[in-house]
Amino acid sequence: MSDPSRSEFGNFLRSRRAKLNPKSVGLPDRRRRRAPGLRREEVAELAGIGVDWYIRLEQGRAVSPSVTTIDALARALRLSKVEHAHLRALASGTNRRAFTREIVPAALQNLVASLNQPAYITGRRWDVLAWNKAAADIFGFDRLPEDDCNILILALLYPKARQLFGSSWAEEAKRIVAQFRATHDLWAGDPAFIALLSRLRDGSPEFAKWWEAHDIRGGAGGIKRLRHPRKGLLRFAHASFQANDDPDLKLIIHSPA
């Protein structure tokens, strides 16, 4: 298939279908089911489209569903606003060049360095591209090899990250995976993203299960509770901002909460 995002479109449909049951969508459940979730024909009926057409969509075939069809599928599968937006993005397809690591403009680097709160900048693949001293003191970015300076690698493959997040590590790591999934699906098939997934699958037994669930989350801010080996218990409110110079760059700032 020329556009791997089509495959991810089909995978996402299947994952949402598997999470529903007939009762939750108002359908009778009279027949025994071999697998959990709704049948394809049930989703097609709920969305008001042909079964063959829906099967082609799940198979990731080179078809172009209309906005009306996407919205009908979102209603049928009970998608959240974030999931609905993700389905639309996947349906639009992609025509991207091969991924290259971003370069942070000097003005942005100076801005990050000037902040007193822990702050850093990430790119599309969630590589950490710039940070200030406060962020290095908390997350240890300055002690990582360049290839490991990535939010997912740090969170999932480094034992110190588990220690830093303590009992909330699994919840935080699962959130990161679900947020990254929304970006990955638009870059599916790119060698840089394939290499990252390979490292995560090989190094994290939890990752494969979370990835298979195909959960999607938005990038809203929140509260992080950390247990730092020197600074003790820390509590931060974090928020993210897109850079106008390059919307693929994201600035994350942690403020004491």
Foldseek 3Di string as FASTA:
>chain_A
DVFLLLQVLLLLLVLLQQVDDCVVQVHDDDDDDPGHGDDLVQLCVQLVHDSVVSVCSNNSHPDQDDLSSLVSSCVSSVHDPQSSVLSVLSSVTDDDDFDDADADDPVVQVVQQPDPFWKFKAFLQQATHHTYPNVCLLQVLVVDDNVCRGPLSSLFQPVVNCQFQPPCSVVVNLLVLQASLSSCSNVPPRPVNVVVVVVNVVRGVVNVVSVSSNHHDHDAWDKGWTQGPPPGIFIWTKGKDADPVDRRMIMIGTDGD
